[in-house]
C-alpha atoms as a PDB file:
ATOM      1  CA  MET A   1       1.940  -6.573 -16.840  1.00  0.00           C
ATOM      2  CA  GLN A   2       3.148  -5.922 -13.502  1.00  0.00           C
ATOM      3  CA  GLU A   3       3.015  -2.310 -12.251  1.00  0.00           C
ATOM      4  CA  ASN A   4       4.759  -0.672  -9.203  1.00  0.00           C
ATOM      5  CA  VAL A   5       2.415   0.651  -6.504  1.00  0.00           C
ATOM      6  CA  SER A   6       3.169   2.275  -3.156  1.00  0.00           C
ATOM      7  CA  LEU A   7       1.270   1.415   0.104  1.00  0.00           C
ATOM      8  CA  ALA A   8       0.526   4.402   2.334  1.00  0.00           C
ATOM      9  CA  CYS A   9      -0.545   4.339   5.900  1.00  0.00           C
ATOM     10  CA  ALA A  10      -4.265   4.992   6.320  1.00  0.00           C
ATOM     11  CA  GLU A  11      -3.696   6.835   9.582  1.00  0.00           C
ATOM     12  CA  CYS A  12      -0.563   9.035   9.057  1.00  0.00           C
ATOM     13  CA  LYS A  13      -0.500   8.874   5.248  1.00  0.00           C
ATOM     14  CA  ARG A  14       3.161   8.057   4.887  1.00  0.00           C
ATOM     15  CA  LYS A  15       4.286   5.851   2.107  1.00  0.00           C
ATOM     16  CA  ASN A  16       6.062   2.854   3.825  1.00  0.00           C
ATOM     17  CA  TYR A  17       5.968   0.022   1.238  1.00  0.00           C
ATOM     18  CA  THR A  18       6.325  -0.477  -2.494  1.00  0.00           C
ATOM     19  CA  THR A  19       5.030  -3.696  -4.215  1.00  0.00           C
ATOM     20  CA  THR A  20       4.071  -4.842  -7.673  1.00  0.00           C
ATOM     21  CA  LYS A  21       0.494  -5.482  -8.876  1.00  0.00           C
ATOM     22  CA  ASN A  22      -1.141  -6.974 -11.904  1.00  0.00           C
ATOM     23  CA  LYS A  23      -3.575  -4.396 -12.970  1.00  0.00           C
ATOM     24  CA  LYS A  24      -5.421  -6.792 -15.448  1.00  0.00           C
ATOM     25  CA  THR A  25      -6.427  -9.383 -13.031  1.00  0.00           C
ATOM     26  CA  ASN A  26      -6.691  -6.945  -9.782  1.00  0.00           C
ATOM     27  CA  THR A  27      -8.665  -3.903 -10.803  1.00  0.00           C
ATOM     28  CA  GLU A  28      -9.579  -2.697  -7.342  1.00  0.00           C
ATOM     29  CA  LYS A  29      -7.307  -0.908  -5.084  1.00  0.00           C
ATOM     30  CA  LEU A  30      -4.923  -2.902  -2.897  1.00  0.00           C
ATOM     31  CA  GLU A  31      -5.466  -2.732   0.955  1.00  0.00           C
ATOM     32  CA  LEU A  32      -3.294  -4.701   3.367  1.00  0.00           C
ATOM     33  CA  SER A  33      -2.497  -4.716   7.054  1.00  0.00           C
ATOM     34  CA  LYS A  34       1.140  -3.776   7.535  1.00  0.00           C
ATOM     35  CA  TYR A  35       3.347  -2.433  10.313  1.00  0.00           C
ATOM     36  CA  CYS A  36       3.878   1.340  10.197  1.00  0.00           C
ATOM     37  CA  ARG A  37       7.039   2.396  11.808  1.00  0.00           C
ATOM     38  CA  PHE A  38       5.930   5.961  12.279  1.00  0.00           C
ATOM     39  CA  CYS A  39       2.673   5.079  14.179  1.00  0.00           C
ATOM     40  CA  ARG A  40       4.505   2.078  15.757  1.00  0.00           C
ATOM     41  CA  LYS A  41       1.625  -0.334  15.183  1.00  0.00           C
ATOM     42  CA  HIS A  42      -0.140  -2.400  12.525  1.00  0.00           C
ATOM     43  CA  THR A  43      -2.516  -0.326  10.400  1.00  0.00           C
ATOM     44  CA  ALA A  44      -4.324  -0.483   7.015  1.00  0.00           C
ATOM     45  CA  HIS A  45      -2.169   0.369   4.119  1.00  0.00           C
ATOM     46  CA  ARG A  46      -3.778   1.519   0.923  1.00  0.00           C
ATOM     47  CA  GLU A  47      -2.544   1.634  -2.715  1.00  0.00           C
ATOM     48  CA  GLY A  48      -1.289   4.936  -4.006  1.00  0.00           C
ATOM     49  CA  LYS A  49       0.882   6.227  -6.847  1.00  0.00           C
ATOM     50  CA  VAL A  50       4.656   5.630  -6.666  1.00  0.00           C
END
């Protein structure tokens, strides 16, 4: 079952992206390198609540 999660910037803590994740197959928290428009650079984005 897919669940919605938000991705927050690790540096400024702003929520920039939302995505879906299968919690049965991926139990650990999601962390991706994405562009943060507030920091104006690529940073690590970590999974958080929507």
